[in-house]
Amino acid sequence: MTYLLYIALGLAAGILGGMFGIGGGSILIPAMVFLFGLTQHQAQGTSLAIMIPPIGLLAALRYWQAGNVKLGMAGWVCLGFFIGGLLGAHLVQGVPDLYLKRFFGVFLLVVSLRMILTK
């Protein structure tokens, strides 16, 4: 069951990443902290491990050496993110630029307020 939640997170991050060009810092890290209870360090390290195929190998290695990477979680979320990125990129093509810009701004505002106002 946990693996399905990880894949769902990867799908959501991939879809939003494909739509808005964002991922780790604005989607994965807050989700791993608020939904899965990881520490900020663990969330950052795990997010970097998720991004290993395209970026972050050396940074993720350093986080892993410090014990701040959940490898199993990173692998499953990566799978969902891979598929979700394609879906998000496909879905957003018909959205007018002005609406996409507004959706992106609201999304970032909601995430930033949550990060600022919660412990």
PDB file of N, CA and C in Angstrom:
ATOM      1  N   MET A   1       0.811  -1.194   0.000  1.00  0.00           N
ATOM      2  CA  MET A   1       0.000   0.000   0.000  1.00  0.00           C
ATOM      3  C   MET A   1       0.855   1.260   0.000  1.00  0.00           C
ATOM      4  N   THR A   2       1.923   1.243   0.804  1.00  0.00           N
ATOM      5  CA  THR A   2       2.807   2.402   0.868  1.00  0.00           C
ATOM      6  C   THR A   2       3.419   2.685  -0.491  1.00  0.00           C
ATOM      7  N   TYR A   3       3.764   1.633  -1.231  1.00  0.00           N
ATOM      8  CA  TYR A   3       4.351   1.820  -2.548  1.00  0.00           C
ATOM      9  C   TYR A   3       3.387   2.546  -3.484  1.00  0.00           C
ATOM     10  N   LEU A   4       2.108   2.232  -3.360  1.00  0.00           N
ATOM     11  CA  LEU A   4       1.111   2.911  -4.192  1.00  0.00           C
ATOM     12  C   LEU A   4       1.027   4.401  -3.866  1.00  0.00           C
ATOM     13  N   LEU A   5       1.157   4.740  -2.587  1.00  0.00           N
ATOM     14  CA  LEU A   5       1.159   6.152  -2.200  1.00  0.00           C
ATOM     15  C   LEU A   5       2.394   6.859  -2.756  1.00  0.00           C
ATOM     16  N   TYR A   6       3.528   6.178  -2.728  1.00  0.00           N
ATOM     17  CA  TYR A   6       4.762   6.753  -3.278  1.00  0.00           C
ATOM     18  C   TYR A   6       4.623   6.969  -4.787  1.00  0.00           C
ATOM     19  N   ILE A   7       4.049   5.979  -5.472  1.00  0.00           N
ATOM     20  CA  ILE A   7       3.846   6.123  -6.919  1.00  0.00           C
ATOM     21  C   ILE A   7       2.868   7.263  -7.201  1.00  0.00           C
ATOM     22  N   ALA A   8       1.813   7.366  -6.384  1.00  0.00           N
ATOM     23  CA  ALA A   8       0.851   8.456  -6.565  1.00  0.00           C
ATOM     24  C   ALA A   8       1.526   9.818  -6.386  1.00  0.00           C
ATOM     25  N   LEU A   9       2.414   9.927  -5.406  1.00  0.00           N
ATOM     26  CA  LEU A   9       3.163  11.169  -5.219  1.00  0.00           C
ATOM     27  C   LEU A   9       4.022  11.450  -6.448  1.00  0.00           C
ATOM     28  N   GLY A  10       4.684  10.417  -6.955  1.00  0.00           N
ATOM     29  CA  GLY A  10       5.498  10.595  -8.147  1.00  0.00           C
ATOM     30  C   GLY A  10       4.667  11.013  -9.353  1.00  0.00           C
ATOM     31  N   LEU A  11       3.490  10.409  -9.493  1.00  0.00           N
ATOM     32  CA  LEU A  11       2.592  10.789 -10.592  1.00  0.00           C
ATOM     33  C   LEU A  11       2.156  12.247 -10.468  1.00  0.00           C
ATOM     34  N   ALA A  12       1.751  12.632  -9.262  1.00  0.00           N
ATOM     35  CA  ALA A  12       1.319  14.017  -9.054  1.00  0.00           C
ATOM     36  C   ALA A  12       2.461  14.988  -9.330  1.00  0.00           C
ATOM     37  N   ALA A  13       3.641  14.674  -8.807  1.00  0.00           N
ATOM     38  CA  ALA A  13       4.797  15.545  -9.033  1.00  0.00           C
ATOM     39  C   ALA A  13       5.177  15.571 -10.505  1.00  0.00           C
ATOM     40  N   GLY A  14       5.077  14.428 -11.164  1.00  0.00           N
ATOM     41  CA  GLY A  14       5.389  14.370 -12.584  1.00  0.00           C
ATOM     42  C   GLY A  14       4.399  15.162 -13.425  1.00  0.00           C
ATOM     43  N   ILE A  15       3.122  15.021 -13.102  1.00  0.00           N
ATOM     44  CA  ILE A  15       2.094  15.766 -13.843  1.00  0.00           C
ATOM     45  C   ILE A  15       2.294  17.267 -13.642  1.00  0.00           C
ATOM     46  N   LEU A  16       2.438  17.697 -12.389  1.00  0.00           N
ATOM     47  CA  LEU A  16       2.645  19.118 -12.129  1.00  0.00           C
ATOM     48  C   LEU A  16       3.982  19.588 -12.696  1.00  0.00           C
ATOM     49  N   GLY A  17       4.996  18.723 -12.615  1.00  0.00           N
ATOM     50  CA  GLY A  17       6.290  19.064 -13.200  1.00  0.00           C
ATOM     51  C   GLY A  17       6.195  19.220 -14.704  1.00  0.00           C
ATOM     52  N   GLY A  18       5.455  18.326 -15.340  1.00  0.00           N
ATOM     53  CA  GLY A  18       5.267  18.419 -16.776  1.00  0.00           C
ATOM     54  C   GLY A  18       4.445  19.634 -17.172  1.00  0.00           C
ATOM     55  N   MET A  19       3.504  20.001 -16.307  1.00  0.00           N
ATOM     56  CA  MET A  19       2.649  21.151 -16.603  1.00  0.00           C
ATOM     57  C   MET A  19       3.349  22.481 -16.313  1.00  0.00           C
ATOM     58  N   PHE A  20       4.049  22.556 -15.179  1.00  0.00           N
ATOM     59  CA  PHE A  20       4.596  23.825 -14.712  1.00  0.00           C
ATOM     60  C   PHE A  20       6.118  23.898 -14.750  1.00  0.00           C
ATOM     61  N   GLY A  21       6.791  22.809 -15.063  1.00  0.00           N
ATOM     62  CA  GLY A  21       8.248  22.815 -15.093  1.00  0.00           C
ATOM     63  C   GLY A  21       8.876  22.837 -13.706  1.00  0.00           C
ATOM     64  N   ILE A  22       8.186  22.260 -12.705  1.00  0.00           N
ATOM     65  CA  ILE A  22       8.675  22.248 -11.332  1.00  0.00           C
ATOM     66  C   ILE A  22       8.665  20.822 -10.802  1.00  0.00           C
ATOM     67  N   GLY A  23       9.231  20.593  -9.663  1.00  0.00           N
ATOM     68  CA  GLY A  23       9.236  19.238  -9.137  1.00  0.00           C
ATOM     69  C   GLY A  23       9.682  19.144  -7.700  1.00  0.00           C
ATOM     70  N   GLY A  24      10.972  18.915  -7.485  1.00  0.00           N
ATOM     71  CA  GLY A  24      11.491  18.596  -6.159  1.00  0.00           C
ATOM     72  C   GLY A  24      11.193  19.605  -5.075  1.00  0.00           C
ATOM     73  N   GLY A  25      11.649  20.820  -5.256  1.00  0.00           N
ATOM     74  CA  GLY A  25      11.540  21.809  -4.201  1.00  0.00           C
ATOM     75  C   GLY A  25      10.127  22.248  -3.888  1.00  0.00           C
ATOM     76  N   SER A  26       9.276  22.270  -4.882  1.00  0.00           N
ATOM     77  CA  SER A  26       7.944  22.814  -4.652  1.00  0.00           C
ATOM     78  C   SER A  26       6.853  21.760  -4.524  1.00  0.00           C
ATOM     79  N   ILE A  27       7.133  20.530  -4.895  1.00  0.00           N
ATOM     80  CA  ILE A  27       6.117  19.475  -4.814  1.00  0.00           C
ATOM     81  C   ILE A  27       6.580  18.338  -3.907  1.00  0.00           C
ATOM     82  N   LEU A  28       7.676  17.714  -4.258  1.00  0.00           N
ATOM     83  CA  LEU A  28       8.106  16.514  -3.553  1.00  0.00           C
ATOM     84  C   LEU A  28       8.501  16.787  -2.103  1.00  0.00           C
ATOM     85  N   ILE A  29       9.297  17.807  -1.874  1.00  0.00           N
ATOM     86  CA  ILE A  29       9.770  18.057  -0.512  1.00  0.00           C
ATOM     87  C   ILE A  29       8.612  18.389   0.428  1.00  0.00           C
ATOM     88  N   PRO A  30       7.733  19.336   0.093  1.00  0.00           N
ATOM     89  CA  PRO A  30       6.605  19.571   1.012  1.00  0.00           C
ATOM     90  C   PRO A  30       5.740  18.325   1.221  1.00  0.00           C
ATOM     91  N   ALA A  31       5.503  17.553   0.165  1.00  0.00           N
ATOM     92  CA  ALA A  31       4.682  16.344   0.310  1.00  0.00           C
ATOM     93  C   ALA A  31       5.349  15.329   1.229  1.00  0.00           C
ATOM     94  N   MET A  32       6.644  15.145   1.082  1.00  0.00           N
ATOM     95  CA  MET A  32       7.331  14.166   1.927  1.00  0.00           C
ATOM     96  C   MET A  32       7.367  14.612   3.384  1.00  0.00           C
ATOM     97  N   VAL A  33       7.458  15.929   3.619  1.00  0.00           N
ATOM     98  CA  VAL A  33       7.450  16.442   4.992  1.00  0.00           C
ATOM     99  C   VAL A  33       6.050  16.357   5.592  1.00  0.00           C
ATOM    100  N   PHE A  34       5.040  16.887   4.877  1.00  0.00           N
ATOM    101  CA  PHE A  34       3.694  16.988   5.439  1.00  0.00           C
ATOM    102  C   PHE A  34       2.898  15.695   5.363  1.00  0.00           C
ATOM    103  N   LEU A  35       3.074  14.911   4.307  1.00  0.00           N
ATOM    104  CA  LEU A  35       2.260  13.707   4.142  1.00  0.00           C
ATOM    105  C   LEU A  35       2.931  12.446   4.673  1.00  0.00           C
ATOM    106  N   PHE A  36       4.267  12.388   4.597  1.00  0.00           N
ATOM    107  CA  PHE A  36       4.964  11.166   4.981  1.00  0.00           C
ATOM    108  C   PHE A  36       5.833  11.324   6.224  1.00  0.00           C
ATOM    109  N   GLY A  37       5.888  12.517   6.787  1.00  0.00           N
ATOM    110  CA  GLY A  37       6.578  12.725   8.054  1.00  0.00           C
ATOM    111  C   GLY A  37       8.096  12.702   8.006  1.00  0.00           C
ATOM    112  N   LEU A  38       8.695  12.879   6.839  1.00  0.00           N
ATOM    113  CA  LEU A  38      10.143  12.928   6.762  1.00  0.00           C
ATOM    114  C   LEU A  38      10.647  14.244   7.337  1.00  0.00           C
ATOM    115  N   THR A  39      11.885  14.237   7.825  1.00  0.00           N
ATOM    116  CA  THR A  39      12.500  15.493   8.239  1.00  0.00           C
ATOM    117  C   THR A  39      12.834  16.292   6.981  1.00  0.00           C
ATOM    118  N   GLN A  40      13.114  17.569   7.143  1.00  0.00           N
ATOM    119  CA  GLN A  40      13.489  18.393   5.997  1.00  0.00           C
ATOM    120  C   GLN A  40      14.725  17.823   5.306  1.00  0.00           C
ATOM    121  N   HIS A  41      15.710  17.395   6.086  1.00  0.00           N
ATOM    122  CA  HIS A  41      16.916  16.804   5.501  1.00  0.00           C
ATOM    123  C   HIS A  41      16.589  15.528   4.727  1.00  0.00           C
ATOM    124  N   GLN A  42      15.777  14.667   5.314  1.00  0.00           N
ATOM    125  CA  GLN A  42      15.398  13.431   4.632  1.00  0.00           C
ATOM    126  C   GLN A  42      14.627  13.726   3.351  1.00  0.00           C
ATOM    127  N   ALA A  43      13.713  14.685   3.407  1.00  0.00           N
ATOM    128  CA  ALA A  43      12.919  15.037   2.223  1.00  0.00           C
ATOM    129  C   ALA A  43      13.822  15.585   1.119  1.00  0.00           C
ATOM    130  N   GLN A  44      14.761  16.440   1.481  1.00  0.00           N
ATOM    131  CA  GLN A  44      15.678  17.000   0.480  1.00  0.00           C
ATOM    132  C   GLN A  44      16.573  15.914  -0.105  1.00  0.00           C
ATOM    133  N   GLY A  45      17.100  15.060   0.753  1.00  0.00           N
ATOM    134  CA  GLY A  45      17.958  13.978   0.268  1.00  0.00           C
ATOM    135  C   GLY A  45      17.207  12.989  -0.605  1.00  0.00           C
ATOM    136  N   THR A  46      15.990  12.647  -0.194  1.00  0.00           N
ATOM    137  CA  THR A  46      15.172  11.709  -0.970  1.00  0.00           C
ATOM    138  C   THR A  46      14.758  12.330  -2.293  1.00  0.00           C
ATOM    139  N   SER A  47      14.422  13.617  -2.275  1.00  0.00           N
ATOM    140  CA  SER A  47      14.073  14.321  -3.517  1.00  0.00           C
ATOM    141  C   SER A  47      15.245  14.296  -4.495  1.00  0.00           C
ATOM    142  N   LEU A  48      16.437  14.503  -3.994  1.00  0.00           N
ATOM    143  CA  LEU A  48      17.617  14.441  -4.864  1.00  0.00           C
ATOM    144  C   LEU A  48      17.816  13.033  -5.426  1.00  0.00           C
ATOM    145  N   ALA A  49      17.561  12.013  -4.595  1.00  0.00           N
ATOM    146  CA  ALA A  49      17.689  10.636  -5.081  1.00  0.00           C
ATOM    147  C   ALA A  49      16.681  10.348  -6.192  1.00  0.00           C
ATOM    148  N   ILE A  50      15.490  10.937  -6.067  1.00  0.00           N
ATOM    149  CA  ILE A  50      14.464  10.786  -7.107  1.00  0.00           C
ATOM    150  C   ILE A  50      14.951  11.390  -8.417  1.00  0.00           C
ATOM    151  N   MET A  51      15.679  12.479  -8.320  1.00  0.00           N
ATOM    152  CA  MET A  51      16.136  13.202  -9.505  1.00  0.00           C
ATOM    153  C   MET A  51      17.457  12.674 -10.081  1.00  0.00           C
ATOM    154  N   ILE A  52      17.976  11.579  -9.531  1.00  0.00           N
ATOM    155  CA  ILE A  52      19.277  11.061  -9.984  1.00  0.00           C
ATOM    156  C   ILE A  52      19.349  10.848 -11.489  1.00  0.00           C
ATOM    157  N   PRO A  53      18.336  10.247 -12.118  1.00  0.00           N
ATOM    158  CA  PRO A  53      18.503  10.054 -13.563  1.00  0.00           C
ATOM    159  C   PRO A  53      18.859  11.351 -14.304  1.00  0.00           C
ATOM    160  N   PRO A  54      18.186  12.468 -14.020  1.00  0.00           N
ATOM    161  CA  PRO A  54      18.561  13.672 -14.749  1.00  0.00           C
ATOM    162  C   PRO A  54      19.609  14.526 -14.038  1.00  0.00           C
ATOM    163  N   ILE A  55      19.555  14.614 -12.710  1.00  0.00           N
ATOM    164  CA  ILE A  55      20.433  15.517 -11.959  1.00  0.00           C
ATOM    165  C   ILE A  55      20.680  14.991 -10.557  1.00  0.00           C
ATOM    166  N   GLY A  56      21.618  15.583  -9.856  1.00  0.00           N
ATOM    167  CA  GLY A  56      21.728  15.399  -8.416  1.00  0.00           C
ATOM    168  C   GLY A  56      22.504  14.210  -7.893  1.00  0.00           C
ATOM    169  N   LEU A  57      23.210  13.446  -8.715  1.00  0.00           N
ATOM    170  CA  LEU A  57      23.870  12.234  -8.242  1.00  0.00           C
ATOM    171  C   LEU A  57      24.822  12.512  -7.085  1.00  0.00           C
ATOM    172  N   LEU A  58      25.708  13.466  -7.230  1.00  0.00           N
ATOM    173  CA  LEU A  58      26.697  13.709  -6.183  1.00  0.00           C
ATOM    174  C   LEU A  58      26.073  14.286  -4.921  1.00  0.00           C
ATOM    175  N   ALA A  59      25.110  15.194  -5.063  1.00  0.00           N
ATOM    176  CA  ALA A  59      24.434  15.748  -3.887  1.00  0.00           C
ATOM    177  C   ALA A  59      23.649  14.657  -3.163  1.00  0.00           C
ATOM    178  N   ALA A  60      22.958  13.809  -3.920  1.00  0.00           N
ATOM    179  CA  ALA A  60      22.198  12.717  -3.304  1.00  0.00           C
ATOM    180  C   ALA A  60      23.131  11.739  -2.598  1.00  0.00           C
ATOM    181  N   LEU A  61      24.299  11.492  -3.179  1.00  0.00           N
ATOM    182  CA  LEU A  61      25.288  10.606  -2.550  1.00  0.00           C
ATOM    183  C   LEU A  61      25.694  11.158  -1.190  1.00  0.00           C
ATOM    184  N   ARG A  62      25.913  12.455  -1.107  1.00  0.00           N
ATOM    185  CA  ARG A  62      26.307  13.076   0.163  1.00  0.00           C
ATOM    186  C   ARG A  62      25.191  12.948   1.199  1.00  0.00           C
ATOM    187  N   TYR A  63      23.949  13.192   0.787  1.00  0.00           N
ATOM    188  CA  TYR A  63      22.812  13.016   1.703  1.00  0.00           C
ATOM    189  C   TYR A  63      22.706  11.555   2.131  1.00  0.00           C
ATOM    190  N   TRP A  64      22.924  10.617   1.196  1.00  0.00           N
ATOM    191  CA  TRP A  64      22.855   9.189   1.520  1.00  0.00           C
ATOM    192  C   TRP A  64      23.928   8.819   2.538  1.00  0.00           C
ATOM    193  N   GLN A  65      25.141   9.344   2.363  1.00  0.00           N
ATOM    194  CA  GLN A  65      26.228   9.076   3.305  1.00  0.00           C
ATOM    195  C   GLN A  65      25.886   9.554   4.713  1.00  0.00           C
ATOM    196  N   ALA A  66      25.098  10.621   4.797  1.00  0.00           N
ATOM    197  CA  ALA A  66      24.697  11.154   6.096  1.00  0.00           C
ATOM    198  C   ALA A  66      23.450  10.454   6.643  1.00  0.00           C
ATOM    199  N   GLY A  67      22.912   9.463   5.908  1.00  0.00           N
ATOM    200  CA  GLY A  67      21.739   8.726   6.362  1.00  0.00           C
ATOM    201  C   GLY A  67      20.420   9.435   6.110  1.00  0.00           C
ATOM    202  N   ASN A  68      20.398  10.345   5.150  1.00  0.00           N
ATOM    203  CA  ASN A  68      19.202  11.146   4.908  1.00  0.00           C
ATOM    204  C   ASN A  68      18.536  10.873   3.566  1.00  0.00           C
ATOM    205  N   VAL A  69      18.607   9.644   3.092  1.00  0.00           N
ATOM    206  CA  VAL A  69      17.931   9.269   1.846  1.00  0.00           C
ATOM    207  C   VAL A  69      17.146   7.987   2.087  1.00  0.00           C
ATOM    208  N   LYS A  70      15.889   7.992   1.733  1.00  0.00           N
ATOM    209  CA  LYS A  70      15.034   6.804   1.791  1.00  0.00           C
ATOM    210  C   LYS A  70      15.025   6.195   0.390  1.00  0.00           C
ATOM    211  N   LEU A  71      15.952   5.271   0.110  1.00  0.00           N
ATOM    212  CA  LEU A  71      16.132   4.743  -1.243  1.00  0.00           C
ATOM    213  C   LEU A  71      14.903   4.044  -1.799  1.00  0.00           C
ATOM    214  N   GLY A  72      14.241   3.215  -1.001  1.00  0.00           N
ATOM    215  CA  GLY A  72      13.056   2.518  -1.487  1.00  0.00           C
ATOM    216  C   GLY A  72      11.966   3.494  -1.907  1.00  0.00           C
ATOM    217  N   MET A  73      11.731   4.481  -1.070  1.00  0.00           N
ATOM    218  CA  MET A  73      10.737   5.503  -1.388  1.00  0.00           C
ATOM    219  C   MET A  73      11.137   6.259  -2.651  1.00  0.00           C
ATOM    220  N   ALA A  74      12.401   6.624  -2.759  1.00  0.00           N
ATOM    221  CA  ALA A  74      12.885   7.376  -3.923  1.00  0.00           C
ATOM    222  C   ALA A  74      12.644   6.601  -5.218  1.00  0.00           C
ATOM    223  N   GLY A  75      12.888   5.308  -5.203  1.00  0.00           N
ATOM    224  CA  GLY A  75      12.695   4.496  -6.405  1.00  0.00           C
ATOM    225  C   GLY A  75      11.250   4.457  -6.866  1.00  0.00           C
ATOM    226  N   TRP A  76      10.331   4.253  -5.927  1.00  0.00           N
ATOM    227  CA  TRP A  76       8.915   4.172  -6.290  1.00  0.00           C
ATOM    228  C   TRP A  76       8.360   5.523  -6.740  1.00  0.00           C
ATOM    229  N   VAL A  77       8.730   6.596  -6.035  1.00  0.00           N
ATOM    230  CA  VAL A  77       8.268   7.925  -6.443  1.00  0.00           C
ATOM    231  C   VAL A  77       8.838   8.272  -7.815  1.00  0.00           C
ATOM    232  N   CYS A  78      10.087   7.879  -8.059  1.00  0.00           N
ATOM    233  CA  CYS A  78      10.714   8.130  -9.360  1.00  0.00           C
ATOM    234  C   CYS A  78       9.915   7.483 -10.488  1.00  0.00           C
ATOM    235  N   LEU A  79       9.429   6.275 -10.265  1.00  0.00           N
ATOM    236  CA  LEU A  79       8.618   5.591 -11.268  1.00  0.00           C
ATOM    237  C   LEU A  79       7.354   6.393 -11.600  1.00  0.00           C
ATOM    238  N   GLY A  80       6.649   6.822 -10.562  1.00  0.00           N
ATOM    239  CA  GLY A  80       5.457   7.622 -10.778  1.00  0.00           C
ATOM    240  C   GLY A  80       5.769   8.963 -11.427  1.00  0.00           C
ATOM    241  N   PHE A  81       6.860   9.580 -11.021  1.00  0.00           N
ATOM    242  CA  PHE A  81       7.269  10.879 -11.567  1.00  0.00           C
ATOM    243  C   PHE A  81       7.580  10.768 -13.057  1.00  0.00           C
ATOM    244  N   PHE A  82       8.212   9.683 -13.448  1.00  0.00           N
ATOM    245  CA  PHE A  82       8.573   9.439 -14.847  1.00  0.00           C
ATOM    246  C   PHE A  82       7.323   9.409 -15.737  1.00  0.00           C
ATOM    247  N   ILE A  83       6.320   8.653 -15.297  1.00  0.00           N
ATOM    248  CA  ILE A  83       5.072   8.531 -16.052  1.00  0.00           C
ATOM    249  C   ILE A  83       4.250   9.819 -15.940  1.00  0.00           C
ATOM    250  N   GLY A  84       4.190  10.383 -14.741  1.00  0.00           N
ATOM    251  CA  GLY A  84       3.421  11.600 -14.516  1.00  0.00           C
ATOM    252  C   GLY A  84       3.938  12.793 -15.305  1.00  0.00           C
ATOM    253  N   GLY A  85       5.241  12.876 -15.496  1.00  0.00           N
ATOM    254  CA  GLY A  85       5.815  13.971 -16.278  1.00  0.00           C
ATOM    255  C   GLY A  85       5.281  13.982 -17.698  1.00  0.00           C
ATOM    256  N   LEU A  86       5.186  12.818 -18.287  1.00  0.00           N
ATOM    257  CA  LEU A  86       4.635  12.708 -19.635  1.00  0.00           C
ATOM    258  C   LEU A  86       3.162  13.106 -19.647  1.00  0.00           C
ATOM    259  N   LEU A  87       2.402  12.618 -18.665  1.00  0.00           N
ATOM    260  CA  LEU A  87       0.976  12.948 -18.588  1.00  0.00           C
ATOM    261  C   LEU A  87       0.759  14.453 -18.398  1.00  0.00           C
ATOM    262  N   GLY A  88       1.511  15.056 -17.481  1.00  0.00           N
ATOM    263  CA  GLY A  88       1.370  16.481 -17.229  1.00  0.00           C
ATOM    264  C   GLY A  88       1.721  17.320 -18.438  1.00  0.00           C
ATOM    265  N   ALA A  89       2.803  16.960 -19.116  1.00  0.00           N
ATOM    266  CA  ALA A  89       3.216  17.694 -20.311  1.00  0.00           C
ATOM    267  C   ALA A  89       2.143  17.587 -21.393  1.00  0.00           C
ATOM    268  N   HIS A  90       1.517  16.436 -21.492  1.00  0.00           N
ATOM    269  CA  HIS A  90       0.449  16.243 -22.472  1.00  0.00           C
ATOM    270  C   HIS A  90      -0.789  17.074 -22.108  1.00  0.00           C
ATOM    271  N   LEU A  91      -1.191  17.037 -20.845  1.00  0.00           N
ATOM    272  CA  LEU A  91      -2.404  17.716 -20.396  1.00  0.00           C
ATOM    273  C   LEU A  91      -2.323  19.238 -20.532  1.00  0.00           C
ATOM    274  N   VAL A  92      -1.165  19.800 -20.328  1.00  0.00           N
ATOM    275  CA  VAL A  92      -1.037  21.253 -20.256  1.00  0.00           C
ATOM    276  C   VAL A  92      -0.976  21.927 -21.626  1.00  0.00           C
ATOM    277  N   GLN A  93      -0.780  21.171 -22.674  1.00  0.00           N
ATOM    278  CA  GLN A  93      -0.595  21.773 -23.992  1.00  0.00           C
ATOM    279  C   GLN A  93      -1.785  22.613 -24.438  1.00  0.00           C
ATOM    280  N   GLY A  94      -2.988  22.269 -24.035  1.00  0.00           N
ATOM    281  CA  GLY A  94      -4.175  23.013 -24.446  1.00  0.00           C
ATOM    282  C   GLY A  94      -4.555  24.155 -23.509  1.00  0.00           C
ATOM    283  N   VAL A  95      -3.807  24.358 -22.437  1.00  0.00           N
ATOM    284  CA  VAL A  95      -4.125  25.407 -21.467  1.00  0.00           C
ATOM    285  C   VAL A  95      -3.512  26.726 -21.941  1.00  0.00           C
ATOM    286  N   PRO A  96      -4.322  27.783 -22.057  1.00  0.00           N
ATOM    287  CA  PRO A  96      -3.787  29.080 -22.476  1.00  0.00           C
ATOM    288  C   PRO A  96      -2.690  29.580 -21.517  1.00  0.00           C
ATOM    289  N   ASP A  97      -1.714  30.270 -22.053  1.00  0.00           N
ATOM    290  CA  ASP A  97      -0.559  30.723 -21.283  1.00  0.00           C
ATOM    291  C   ASP A  97      -0.953  31.547 -20.058  1.00  0.00           C
ATOM    292  N   LEU A  98      -1.906  32.446 -20.206  1.00  0.00           N
ATOM    293  CA  LEU A  98      -2.316  33.289 -19.084  1.00  0.00           C
ATOM    294  C   LEU A  98      -2.870  32.450 -17.941  1.00  0.00           C
ATOM    295  N   TYR A  99      -3.693  31.453 -18.250  1.00  0.00           N
ATOM    296  CA  TYR A  99      -4.240  30.589 -17.206  1.00  0.00           C
ATOM    297  C   TYR A  99      -3.146  29.744 -16.559  1.00  0.00           C
ATOM    298  N   LEU A 100      -2.235  29.241 -17.366  1.00  0.00           N
ATOM    299  CA  LEU A 100      -1.132  28.447 -16.833  1.00  0.00           C
ATOM    300  C   LEU A 100      -0.302  29.285 -15.864  1.00  0.00           C
ATOM    301  N   LYS A 101      -0.035  30.518 -16.232  1.00  0.00           N
ATOM    302  CA  LYS A 101       0.727  31.418 -15.367  1.00  0.00           C
ATOM    303  C   LYS A 101      -0.013  31.639 -14.050  1.00  0.00           C
ATOM    304  N   ARG A 102      -1.306  31.851 -14.118  1.00  0.00           N
ATOM    305  CA  ARG A 102      -2.097  32.070 -12.897  1.00  0.00           C
ATOM    306  C   ARG A 102      -2.166  30.813 -12.025  1.00  0.00           C
ATOM    307  N   PHE A 103      -2.387  29.652 -12.639  1.00  0.00           N
ATOM    308  CA  PHE A 103      -2.417  28.396 -11.885  1.00  0.00           C
ATOM    309  C   PHE A 103      -1.087  28.175 -11.166  1.00  0.00           C
ATOM    310  N   PHE A 104      -0.001  28.424 -11.868  1.00  0.00           N
ATOM    311  CA  PHE A 104       1.333  28.247 -11.304  1.00  0.00           C
ATOM    312  C   PHE A 104       1.531  29.178 -10.109  1.00  0.00           C
ATOM    313  N   GLY A 105       1.149  30.439 -10.252  1.00  0.00           N
ATOM    314  CA  GLY A 105       1.288  31.398  -9.162  1.00  0.00           C
ATOM    315  C   GLY A 105       0.486  31.018  -7.935  1.00  0.00           C
ATOM    316  N   VAL A 106      -0.747  30.586  -8.129  1.00  0.00           N
ATOM    317  CA  VAL A 106      -1.595  30.162  -7.003  1.00  0.00           C
ATOM    318  C   VAL A 106      -0.986  28.934  -6.331  1.00  0.00           C
ATOM    319  N   PHE A 107      -0.518  27.985  -7.116  1.00  0.00           N
ATOM    320  CA  PHE A 107       0.100  26.785  -6.561  1.00  0.00           C
ATOM    321  C   PHE A 107       1.293  27.148  -5.678  1.00  0.00           C
ATOM    322  N   LEU A 108       2.180  27.993  -6.181  1.00  0.00           N
ATOM    323  CA  LEU A 108       3.347  28.392  -5.396  1.00  0.00           C
ATOM    324  C   LEU A 108       2.951  29.158  -4.144  1.00  0.00           C
ATOM    325  N   LEU A 109       1.920  29.997  -4.225  1.00  0.00           N
ATOM    326  CA  LEU A 109       1.450  30.745  -3.072  1.00  0.00           C
ATOM    327  C   LEU A 109       0.939  29.801  -1.986  1.00  0.00           C
ATOM    328  N   VAL A 110       0.130  28.820  -2.370  1.00  0.00           N
ATOM    329  CA  VAL A 110      -0.413  27.862  -1.406  1.00  0.00           C
ATOM    330  C   VAL A 110       0.719  27.085  -0.735  1.00  0.00           C
ATOM    331  N   VAL A 111       1.667  26.609  -1.515  1.00  0.00           N
ATOM    332  CA  VAL A 111       2.795  25.856  -0.949  1.00  0.00           C
ATOM    333  C   VAL A 111       3.612  26.746  -0.018  1.00  0.00           C
ATOM    334  N   SER A 112       3.902  27.967  -0.447  1.00  0.00           N
ATOM    335  CA  SER A 112       4.728  28.848   0.384  1.00  0.00           C
ATOM    336  C   SER A 112       4.024  29.186   1.697  1.00  0.00           C
ATOM    337  N   LEU A 113       2.722  29.464   1.659  1.00  0.00           N
ATOM    338  CA  LEU A 113       1.995  29.753   2.889  1.00  0.00           C
ATOM    339  C   LEU A 113       1.997  28.552   3.828  1.00  0.00           C
ATOM    340  N   ARG A 114       1.836  27.370   3.264  1.00  0.00           N
ATOM    341  CA  ARG A 114       1.864  26.154   4.103  1.00  0.00           C
ATOM    342  C   ARG A 114       3.227  25.971   4.754  1.00  0.00           C
ATOM    343  N   MET A 115       4.292  26.220   3.994  1.00  0.00           N
ATOM    344  CA  MET A 115       5.638  26.069   4.535  1.00  0.00           C
ATOM    345  C   MET A 115       5.910  27.112   5.628  1.00  0.00           C
ATOM    346  N   ILE A 116       5.407  28.317   5.456  1.00  0.00           N
ATOM    347  CA  ILE A 116       5.644  29.400   6.409  1.00  0.00           C
ATOM    348  C   ILE A 116       4.810  29.227   7.673  1.00  0.00           C
ATOM    349  N   LEU A 117       3.570  28.800   7.542  1.00  0.00           N
ATOM    350  CA  LEU A 117       2.629  28.819   8.656  1.00  0.00           C
ATOM    351  C   LEU A 117       2.537  27.534   9.476  1.00  0.00           C
ATOM    352  N   THR A 118       3.181  26.463   9.033  1.00  0.00           N
ATOM    353  CA  THR A 118       3.130  25.223   9.825  1.00  0.00           C
ATOM    354  C   THR A 118       4.478  24.951  10.467  1.00  0.00           C
ATOM    355  N   LYS A 119       4.445  24.151  11.515  1.00  0.00           N
ATOM    356  CA  LYS A 119       5.681  23.816  12.244  1.00  0.00           C
ATOM    357  C   LYS A 119       6.503  22.819  11.485  1.00  0.00           C
TER     358      LYS A 119
END
